[in-house]
């Protein structure tokens, strides 16, 4: 499990993301009670945060909470990576305890966690700044906020700018974590080496990696559109598929 920053000579084909989804679905079906139960647990926490924001009068921050979920998603899926690792090794599917390749990996993974926390804080600050700028600093109840966001010029501008900025942050996080998080669980490596592998993968296989990012965004959005119900399946599917993405990128 010793790691290097080298990439395999062969490129990833454009149909690879679809294979990753197929492999992820097979892992879900190997132990659906574990995978979907994990998804329900994660999404239940997200739904609880959304409810608290609604009840405490901060419903306008719910879109920001969705952005936070996208940022921390790779770390939240570590149990799913462990399950896929066990299935690949011919072991009994289990989510926990997560096994690391070496004693340094948990600390390096924590470093990634701090980086994601910083990115989340930046995104939250930008979102609140945009909200204050376009609403003149006044608080709007949820119904008024929705009307403002979708039926007024300033509201549509705010949504457009927020979407572009948030999408840019999310894509940067994707590029830095799509390989690094599962890699640090599976190989003796450090955060910078693992991040470098992900960046090299993006440079060498831009089309396939952008398609994978698009599929993640579409599947996640479809799950959110079903009021979290579909996300309970979408999250474990993407988590397992991300493991297989890492394995193919590393030339397993």
C-alpha atoms as a PDB file:
ATOM      1  CA  UNK A   1       0.000   0.000   0.000  1.00  0.00           C
ATOM      2  CA  UNK A   2       2.948   2.350  -0.304  1.00  0.00           C
ATOM      3  CA  UNK A   3       1.980   5.304  -2.443  1.00  0.00           C
ATOM      4  CA  UNK A   4       3.627   7.406  -5.084  1.00  0.00           C
ATOM      5  CA  UNK A   5       2.352  10.449  -6.899  1.00  0.00           C
ATOM      6  CA  UNK A   6       2.626   8.777 -10.291  1.00  0.00           C
ATOM      7  CA  UNK A   7      -0.352   8.124 -12.503  1.00  0.00           C
ATOM      8  CA  UNK A   8      -0.917   5.054 -14.689  1.00  0.00           C
ATOM      9  CA  UNK A   9       0.116   5.411 -18.342  1.00  0.00           C
ATOM     10  CA  UNK A  10      -3.354   4.714 -19.725  1.00  0.00           C
ATOM     11  CA  UNK A  11      -5.999   7.409 -19.780  1.00  0.00           C
ATOM     12  CA  UNK A  12      -9.479   7.050 -18.325  1.00  0.00           C
ATOM     13  CA  UNK A  13     -12.168   6.610 -20.958  1.00  0.00           C
ATOM     14  CA  UNK A  14     -15.237   8.831 -21.085  1.00  0.00           C
ATOM     15  CA  UNK A  15     -17.481   5.931 -20.137  1.00  0.00           C
ATOM     16  CA  UNK A  16     -15.546   5.334 -16.902  1.00  0.00           C
ATOM     17  CA  UNK A  17     -17.897   7.441 -14.688  1.00  0.00           C
ATOM     18  CA  UNK A  18     -20.792   5.248 -15.773  1.00  0.00           C
ATOM     19  CA  UNK A  19     -18.807   2.141 -14.815  1.00  0.00           C
ATOM     20  CA  UNK A  20     -18.106   3.696 -11.434  1.00  0.00           C
ATOM     21  CA  UNK A  21     -21.820   4.230 -10.896  1.00  0.00           C
ATOM     22  CA  UNK A  22     -22.522   0.630 -11.900  1.00  0.00           C
ATOM     23  CA  UNK A  23     -19.877  -0.662  -9.505  1.00  0.00           C
ATOM     24  CA  UNK A  24     -21.245   1.607  -6.766  1.00  0.00           C
ATOM     25  CA  UNK A  25     -24.741   0.242  -7.298  1.00  0.00           C
ATOM     26  CA  UNK A  26     -23.432  -3.322  -7.034  1.00  0.00           C
ATOM     27  CA  UNK A  27     -21.813  -2.448  -3.706  1.00  0.00           C
ATOM     28  CA  UNK A  28     -25.103  -0.974  -2.489  1.00  0.00           C
ATOM     29  CA  UNK A  29     -26.885  -4.183  -3.416  1.00  0.00           C
ATOM     30  CA  UNK A  30     -24.290  -6.326  -1.614  1.00  0.00           C
ATOM     31  CA  UNK A  31     -25.541  -4.979   1.718  1.00  0.00           C
ATOM     32  CA  UNK A  32     -28.408  -2.532   1.119  1.00  0.00           C
ATOM     33  CA  UNK A  33     -29.274  -2.334   4.813  1.00  0.00           C
ATOM     34  CA  UNK A  34     -25.797  -1.006   5.587  1.00  0.00           C
ATOM     35  CA  UNK A  35     -25.466   1.350   2.630  1.00  0.00           C
ATOM     36  CA  UNK A  36     -28.943   2.826   2.707  1.00  0.00           C
ATOM     37  CA  UNK A  37     -28.942   2.878   6.507  1.00  0.00           C
ATOM     38  CA  UNK A  38     -25.728   4.915   6.355  1.00  0.00           C
ATOM     39  CA  UNK A  39     -27.374   7.250   3.857  1.00  0.00           C
ATOM     40  CA  UNK A  40     -30.445   7.640   6.067  1.00  0.00           C
ATOM     41  CA  UNK A  41     -28.226   8.472   9.050  1.00  0.00           C
ATOM     42  CA  UNK A  42     -26.271  11.143   7.156  1.00  0.00           C
ATOM     43  CA  UNK A  43     -29.304  12.647   5.472  1.00  0.00           C
ATOM     44  CA  UNK A  44     -31.242  12.525   8.733  1.00  0.00           C
ATOM     45  CA  UNK A  45     -28.601  14.763  10.268  1.00  0.00           C
ATOM     46  CA  UNK A  46     -28.902  17.150   7.337  1.00  0.00           C
ATOM     47  CA  UNK A  47     -32.673  17.189   7.605  1.00  0.00           C
ATOM     48  CA  UNK A  48     -32.370  17.940  11.316  1.00  0.00           C
ATOM     49  CA  UNK A  49     -30.117  20.934  10.624  1.00  0.00           C
ATOM     50  CA  UNK A  50     -32.556  22.168   7.984  1.00  0.00           C
ATOM     51  CA  UNK A  51     -35.431  21.881  10.447  1.00  0.00           C
ATOM     52  CA  UNK A  52     -33.508  23.825  13.095  1.00  0.00           C
ATOM     53  CA  UNK A  53     -32.725  26.593  10.618  1.00  0.00           C
ATOM     54  CA  UNK A  54     -36.401  26.774   9.673  1.00  0.00           C
ATOM     55  CA  UNK A  55     -37.674  26.812  13.232  1.00  0.00           C
ATOM     56  CA  UNK A  56     -35.162  29.391  14.465  1.00  0.00           C
ATOM     57  CA  UNK A  57     -35.930  31.864  11.707  1.00  0.00           C
ATOM     58  CA  UNK A  58     -32.836  31.273   9.601  1.00  0.00           C
ATOM     59  CA  UNK A  59     -34.540  29.444   6.744  1.00  0.00           C
ATOM     60  CA  UNK A  60     -32.801  31.649   4.202  1.00  0.00           C
ATOM     61  CA  UNK A  61     -29.547  29.911   5.194  1.00  0.00           C
ATOM     62  CA  UNK A  62     -30.833  26.504   4.076  1.00  0.00           C
ATOM     63  CA  UNK A  63     -29.187  26.838   0.619  1.00  0.00           C
ATOM     64  CA  UNK A  64     -25.923  27.548   2.420  1.00  0.00           C
ATOM     65  CA  UNK A  65     -26.424  24.337   4.420  1.00  0.00           C
ATOM     66  CA  UNK A  66     -26.802  22.414   1.146  1.00  0.00           C
ATOM     67  CA  UNK A  67     -23.499  23.902   0.039  1.00  0.00           C
ATOM     68  CA  UNK A  68     -21.887  22.748   3.288  1.00  0.00           C
ATOM     69  CA  UNK A  69     -23.148  19.233   2.600  1.00  0.00           C
ATOM     70  CA  UNK A  70     -21.496  19.272  -0.827  1.00  0.00           C
ATOM     71  CA  UNK A  71     -18.214  20.457   0.708  1.00  0.00           C
ATOM     72  CA  UNK A  72     -18.080  17.869   3.495  1.00  0.00           C
ATOM     73  CA  UNK A  73     -19.579  15.021   1.437  1.00  0.00           C
ATOM     74  CA  UNK A  74     -16.226  13.302   0.689  1.00  0.00           C
ATOM     75  CA  UNK A  75     -15.386  13.089   4.400  1.00  0.00           C
ATOM     76  CA  UNK A  76     -18.884  11.992   5.383  1.00  0.00           C
ATOM     77  CA  UNK A  77     -18.555   9.022   3.009  1.00  0.00           C
ATOM     78  CA  UNK A  78     -15.540   7.386   4.702  1.00  0.00           C
ATOM     79  CA  UNK A  79     -17.693   4.545   6.043  1.00  0.00           C
ATOM     80  CA  UNK A  80     -18.877   3.791   2.506  1.00  0.00           C
ATOM     81  CA  UNK A  81     -15.299   3.751   1.220  1.00  0.00           C
ATOM     82  CA  UNK A  82     -14.473   1.230   3.952  1.00  0.00           C
ATOM     83  CA  UNK A  83     -17.399  -0.955   2.963  1.00  0.00           C
ATOM     84  CA  UNK A  84     -16.321  -0.940  -0.710  1.00  0.00           C
ATOM     85  CA  UNK A  85     -12.738  -1.705   0.317  1.00  0.00           C
ATOM     86  CA  UNK A  86     -13.902  -4.735   2.245  1.00  0.00           C
ATOM     87  CA  UNK A  87     -16.083  -5.957  -0.618  1.00  0.00           C
ATOM     88  CA  UNK A  88     -13.174  -5.562  -3.040  1.00  0.00           C
ATOM     89  CA  UNK A  89     -10.912  -7.530  -0.686  1.00  0.00           C
ATOM     90  CA  UNK A  90     -13.452 -10.337  -0.428  1.00  0.00           C
ATOM     91  CA  UNK A  91     -14.251  -9.550   3.195  1.00  0.00           C
ATOM     92  CA  UNK A  92     -17.609  -9.238   4.868  1.00  0.00           C
ATOM     93  CA  UNK A  93     -19.144  -5.792   4.145  1.00  0.00           C
ATOM     94  CA  UNK A  94     -18.758  -3.486   7.145  1.00  0.00           C
ATOM     95  CA  UNK A  95     -18.868   0.273   7.524  1.00  0.00           C
ATOM     96  CA  UNK A  96     -16.852   0.592  10.710  1.00  0.00           C
ATOM     97  CA  UNK A  97     -14.278   0.634  12.128  1.00  0.00           C
ATOM     98  CA  UNK A  98     -12.494   2.336   9.251  1.00  0.00           C
ATOM     99  CA  UNK A  99      -9.076   0.788   8.654  1.00  0.00           C
ATOM    100  CA  UNK A 100      -6.221   3.056   7.619  1.00  0.00           C
ATOM    101  CA  UNK A 101      -3.085   1.989   5.782  1.00  0.00           C
ATOM    102  CA  UNK A 102      -0.758   3.627   8.290  1.00  0.00           C
ATOM    103  CA  UNK A 103      -0.754   5.625  11.510  1.00  0.00           C
ATOM    104  CA  UNK A 104      -0.177   8.936   9.679  1.00  0.00           C
ATOM    105  CA  UNK A 105      -3.236   8.681   7.452  1.00  0.00           C
ATOM    106  CA  UNK A 106      -5.863   9.652  10.070  1.00  0.00           C
ATOM    107  CA  UNK A 107      -3.875  12.796  10.884  1.00  0.00           C
ATOM    108  CA  UNK A 108      -3.528  13.638   7.205  1.00  0.00           C
ATOM    109  CA  UNK A 109      -7.249  13.075   6.743  1.00  0.00           C
ATOM    110  CA  UNK A 110      -7.859  15.460   9.635  1.00  0.00           C
ATOM    111  CA  UNK A 111      -5.770  18.027   7.774  1.00  0.00           C
ATOM    112  CA  UNK A 112      -8.148  17.701   4.825  1.00  0.00           C
ATOM    113  CA  UNK A 113     -11.027  18.134   7.256  1.00  0.00           C
ATOM    114  CA  UNK A 114      -9.602  21.428   8.516  1.00  0.00           C
ATOM    115  CA  UNK A 115      -9.148  22.575   4.939  1.00  0.00           C
ATOM    116  CA  UNK A 116     -12.773  21.732   4.140  1.00  0.00           C
ATOM    117  CA  UNK A 117     -13.894  23.570   7.271  1.00  0.00           C
ATOM    118  CA  UNK A 118     -12.009  26.657   6.095  1.00  0.00           C
ATOM    119  CA  UNK A 119     -13.632  26.373   2.639  1.00  0.00           C
ATOM    120  CA  UNK A 120     -17.059  26.047   4.277  1.00  0.00           C
ATOM    121  CA  UNK A 121     -16.440  29.186   6.339  1.00  0.00           C
ATOM    122  CA  UNK A 122     -15.410  31.097   3.222  1.00  0.00           C
ATOM    123  CA  UNK A 123     -18.532  29.947   1.402  1.00  0.00           C
ATOM    124  CA  UNK A 124     -20.767  30.879   4.352  1.00  0.00           C
ATOM    125  CA  UNK A 125     -19.194  34.339   4.546  1.00  0.00           C
ATOM    126  CA  UNK A 126     -19.660  34.923   0.826  1.00  0.00           C
ATOM    127  CA  UNK A 127     -23.278  33.731   0.982  1.00  0.00           C
ATOM    128  CA  UNK A 128     -24.093  36.024   3.908  1.00  0.00           C
ATOM    129  CA  UNK A 129     -22.353  38.940   2.190  1.00  0.00           C
ATOM    130  CA  UNK A 130     -24.396  38.404  -0.970  1.00  0.00           C
ATOM    131  CA  UNK A 131     -27.581  38.127   1.070  1.00  0.00           C
ATOM    132  CA  UNK A 132     -26.866  41.349   2.956  1.00  0.00           C
ATOM    133  CA  UNK A 133     -25.833  43.163  -0.221  1.00  0.00           C
ATOM    134  CA  UNK A 134     -28.913  42.310  -2.262  1.00  0.00           C
ATOM    135  CA  UNK A 135     -31.478  42.566   0.555  1.00  0.00           C
ATOM    136  CA  UNK A 136     -30.018  45.786   1.997  1.00  0.00           C
ATOM    137  CA  UNK A 137     -29.221  43.940   5.205  1.00  0.00           C
ATOM    138  CA  UNK A 138     -32.863  43.225   6.050  1.00  0.00           C
ATOM    139  CA  UNK A 139     -34.036  39.775   7.151  1.00  0.00           C
ATOM    140  CA  UNK A 140     -36.700  38.155   4.956  1.00  0.00           C
ATOM    141  CA  UNK A 141     -38.968  35.311   6.107  1.00  0.00           C
ATOM    142  CA  UNK A 142     -38.741  32.182   3.968  1.00  0.00           C
ATOM    143  CA  UNK A 143     -41.822  32.890   1.837  1.00  0.00           C
ATOM    144  CA  UNK A 144     -40.697  36.457   1.135  1.00  0.00           C
ATOM    145  CA  UNK A 145     -37.143  35.293   0.489  1.00  0.00           C
ATOM    146  CA  UNK A 146     -38.283  32.740  -2.112  1.00  0.00           C
ATOM    147  CA  UNK A 147     -40.439  35.336  -3.831  1.00  0.00           C
ATOM    148  CA  UNK A 148     -37.534  37.787  -3.802  1.00  0.00           C
ATOM    149  CA  UNK A 149     -35.066  35.195  -5.115  1.00  0.00           C
ATOM    150  CA  UNK A 150     -37.106  33.969  -8.088  1.00  0.00           C
ATOM    151  CA  UNK A 151     -39.222  36.948  -9.140  1.00  0.00           C
ATOM    152  CA  UNK A 152     -37.071  40.069  -8.762  1.00  0.00           C
ATOM    153  CA  UNK A 153     -34.031  41.312 -10.631  1.00  0.00           C
ATOM    154  CA  UNK A 154     -31.799  41.686  -7.559  1.00  0.00           C
ATOM    155  CA  UNK A 155     -32.927  38.291  -6.273  1.00  0.00           C
ATOM    156  CA  UNK A 156     -32.154  36.531  -9.543  1.00  0.00           C
ATOM    157  CA  UNK A 157     -28.789  38.277  -9.692  1.00  0.00           C
ATOM    158  CA  UNK A 158     -28.030  37.151  -6.144  1.00  0.00           C
ATOM    159  CA  UNK A 159     -28.944  33.556  -7.001  1.00  0.00           C
ATOM    160  CA  UNK A 160     -26.872  33.638 -10.190  1.00  0.00           C
ATOM    161  CA  UNK A 161     -23.766  35.023  -8.480  1.00  0.00           C
ATOM    162  CA  UNK A 162     -24.186  32.662  -5.528  1.00  0.00           C
ATOM    163  CA  UNK A 163     -24.548  29.684  -7.858  1.00  0.00           C
ATOM    164  CA  UNK A 164     -21.422  30.575  -9.827  1.00  0.00           C
ATOM    165  CA  UNK A 165     -19.326  31.250  -6.714  1.00  0.00           C
ATOM    166  CA  UNK A 166     -20.651  28.214  -4.846  1.00  0.00           C
ATOM    167  CA  UNK A 167     -20.196  26.011  -7.902  1.00  0.00           C
ATOM    168  CA  UNK A 168     -16.607  27.198  -8.273  1.00  0.00           C
ATOM    169  CA  UNK A 169     -15.843  26.407  -4.633  1.00  0.00           C
ATOM    170  CA  UNK A 170     -17.556  23.020  -4.898  1.00  0.00           C
ATOM    171  CA  UNK A 171     -15.617  22.129  -8.061  1.00  0.00           C
ATOM    172  CA  UNK A 172     -12.324  23.097  -6.426  1.00  0.00           C
ATOM    173  CA  UNK A 173     -13.196  20.915  -3.431  1.00  0.00           C
ATOM    174  CA  UNK A 174     -14.144  18.083  -5.769  1.00  0.00           C
ATOM    175  CA  UNK A 175     -10.811  18.305  -7.590  1.00  0.00           C
ATOM    176  CA  UNK A 176      -8.873  18.247  -4.316  1.00  0.00           C
ATOM    177  CA  UNK A 177     -10.830  15.450  -2.606  1.00  0.00           C
ATOM    178  CA  UNK A 178     -12.117  13.139  -5.343  1.00  0.00           C
ATOM    179  CA  UNK A 179      -8.988  10.983  -4.976  1.00  0.00           C
ATOM    180  CA  UNK A 180      -7.308  12.204  -1.809  1.00  0.00           C
ATOM    181  CA  UNK A 181      -9.830  11.096   0.831  1.00  0.00           C
ATOM    182  CA  UNK A 182     -10.168   7.411  -0.196  1.00  0.00           C
ATOM    183  CA  UNK A 183      -6.461   7.331  -1.066  1.00  0.00           C
ATOM    184  CA  UNK A 184      -5.431   8.396   2.445  1.00  0.00           C
ATOM    185  CA  UNK A 185      -7.556   5.585   3.857  1.00  0.00           C
ATOM    186  CA  UNK A 186      -6.022   2.966   1.600  1.00  0.00           C
ATOM    187  CA  UNK A 187      -2.404   4.000   1.082  1.00  0.00           C
ATOM    188  CA  UNK A 188       0.470   5.251   3.215  1.00  0.00           C
ATOM    189  CA  UNK A 189       0.591   8.790   1.962  1.00  0.00           C
ATOM    190  CA  UNK A 190       0.270  12.410   2.988  1.00  0.00           C
ATOM    191  CA  UNK A 191      -2.412  14.959   2.162  1.00  0.00           C
ATOM    192  CA  UNK A 192      -0.344  16.909  -0.357  1.00  0.00           C
ATOM    193  CA  UNK A 193       0.647  13.810  -2.316  1.00  0.00           C
ATOM    194  CA  UNK A 194      -2.949  12.586  -2.388  1.00  0.00           C
ATOM    195  CA  UNK A 195      -4.251  15.984  -3.488  1.00  0.00           C
ATOM    196  CA  UNK A 196      -1.586  16.074  -6.187  1.00  0.00           C
ATOM    197  CA  UNK A 197      -2.788  12.754  -7.582  1.00  0.00           C
ATOM    198  CA  UNK A 198      -6.309  14.156  -7.888  1.00  0.00           C
ATOM    199  CA  UNK A 199      -5.068  17.270  -9.672  1.00  0.00           C
ATOM    200  CA  UNK A 200      -2.986  15.175 -12.067  1.00  0.00           C
ATOM    201  CA  UNK A 201      -6.011  13.014 -12.770  1.00  0.00           C
ATOM    202  CA  UNK A 202      -7.987  16.133 -13.661  1.00  0.00           C
ATOM    203  CA  UNK A 203      -5.212  17.380 -15.950  1.00  0.00           C
ATOM    204  CA  UNK A 204      -4.782  14.065 -17.742  1.00  0.00           C
ATOM    205  CA  UNK A 205      -8.438  13.027 -17.958  1.00  0.00           C
ATOM    206  CA  UNK A 206     -10.308  16.327 -17.966  1.00  0.00           C
ATOM    207  CA  UNK A 207     -13.315  15.080 -19.920  1.00  0.00           C
ATOM    208  CA  UNK A 208     -13.995  12.032 -17.764  1.00  0.00           C
ATOM    209  CA  UNK A 209     -13.373  13.897 -14.508  1.00  0.00           C
ATOM    210  CA  UNK A 210     -15.673  16.776 -15.486  1.00  0.00           C
ATOM    211  CA  UNK A 211     -18.340  14.246 -16.485  1.00  0.00           C
ATOM    212  CA  UNK A 212     -17.969  12.574 -13.081  1.00  0.00           C
ATOM    213  CA  UNK A 213     -18.338  15.932 -11.331  1.00  0.00           C
ATOM    214  CA  UNK A 214     -21.455  16.641 -13.426  1.00  0.00           C
ATOM    215  CA  UNK A 215     -22.977  13.254 -12.569  1.00  0.00           C
ATOM    216  CA  UNK A 216     -22.335  13.843  -8.869  1.00  0.00           C
ATOM    217  CA  UNK A 217     -24.019  17.257  -9.074  1.00  0.00           C
ATOM    218  CA  UNK A 218     -27.043  15.974 -11.021  1.00  0.00           C
ATOM    219  CA  UNK A 219     -27.608  12.917  -8.818  1.00  0.00           C
ATOM    220  CA  UNK A 220     -27.233  15.005  -5.661  1.00  0.00           C
ATOM    221  CA  UNK A 221     -29.615  17.665  -6.985  1.00  0.00           C
ATOM    222  CA  UNK A 222     -32.172  14.976  -7.853  1.00  0.00           C
ATOM    223  CA  UNK A 223     -31.897  13.632  -4.325  1.00  0.00           C
ATOM    224  CA  UNK A 224     -32.386  17.090  -2.815  1.00  0.00           C
ATOM    225  CA  UNK A 225     -35.391  17.698  -5.075  1.00  0.00           C
ATOM    226  CA  UNK A 226     -37.147  14.731  -3.462  1.00  0.00           C
ATOM    227  CA  UNK A 227     -36.921  16.402  -0.023  1.00  0.00           C
ATOM    228  CA  UNK A 228     -33.967  14.246   1.078  1.00  0.00           C
ATOM    229  CA  UNK A 229     -35.741  10.928   0.417  1.00  0.00           C
ATOM    230  CA  UNK A 230     -33.840  10.202  -2.794  1.00  0.00           C
ATOM    231  CA  UNK A 231     -30.617  11.493  -1.255  1.00  0.00           C
ATOM    232  CA  UNK A 232     -30.647   8.592   1.195  1.00  0.00           C
ATOM    233  CA  UNK A 233     -29.950   6.349  -1.809  1.00  0.00           C
ATOM    234  CA  UNK A 234     -27.976   8.840  -3.886  1.00  0.00           C
ATOM    235  CA  UNK A 235     -25.405   9.485  -1.165  1.00  0.00           C
ATOM    236  CA  UNK A 236     -24.337   5.841  -0.628  1.00  0.00           C
ATOM    237  CA  UNK A 237     -24.413   5.228  -4.382  1.00  0.00           C
ATOM    238  CA  UNK A 238     -22.023   8.121  -4.984  1.00  0.00           C
ATOM    239  CA  UNK A 239     -19.884   7.161  -1.988  1.00  0.00           C
ATOM    240  CA  UNK A 240     -19.337   3.616  -3.235  1.00  0.00           C
ATOM    241  CA  UNK A 241     -18.829   4.833  -6.803  1.00  0.00           C
ATOM    242  CA  UNK A 242     -16.211   7.323  -5.601  1.00  0.00           C
ATOM    243  CA  UNK A 243     -14.189   4.442  -4.172  1.00  0.00           C
ATOM    244  CA  UNK A 244     -14.175   2.742  -7.547  1.00  0.00           C
ATOM    245  CA  UNK A 245     -13.267   6.033  -9.208  1.00  0.00           C
ATOM    246  CA  UNK A 246     -10.223   6.288  -6.960  1.00  0.00           C
ATOM    247  CA  UNK A 247      -9.215   2.685  -7.630  1.00  0.00           C
ATOM    248  CA  UNK A 248      -9.376   3.102 -11.404  1.00  0.00           C
ATOM    249  CA  UNK A 249      -7.596   6.458 -11.295  1.00  0.00           C
ATOM    250  CA  UNK A 250      -4.784   4.855  -9.293  1.00  0.00           C
ATOM    251  CA  UNK A 251      -4.554   2.031 -11.817  1.00  0.00           C
ATOM    252  CA  UNK A 252      -5.842  -0.713  -9.518  1.00  0.00           C
END
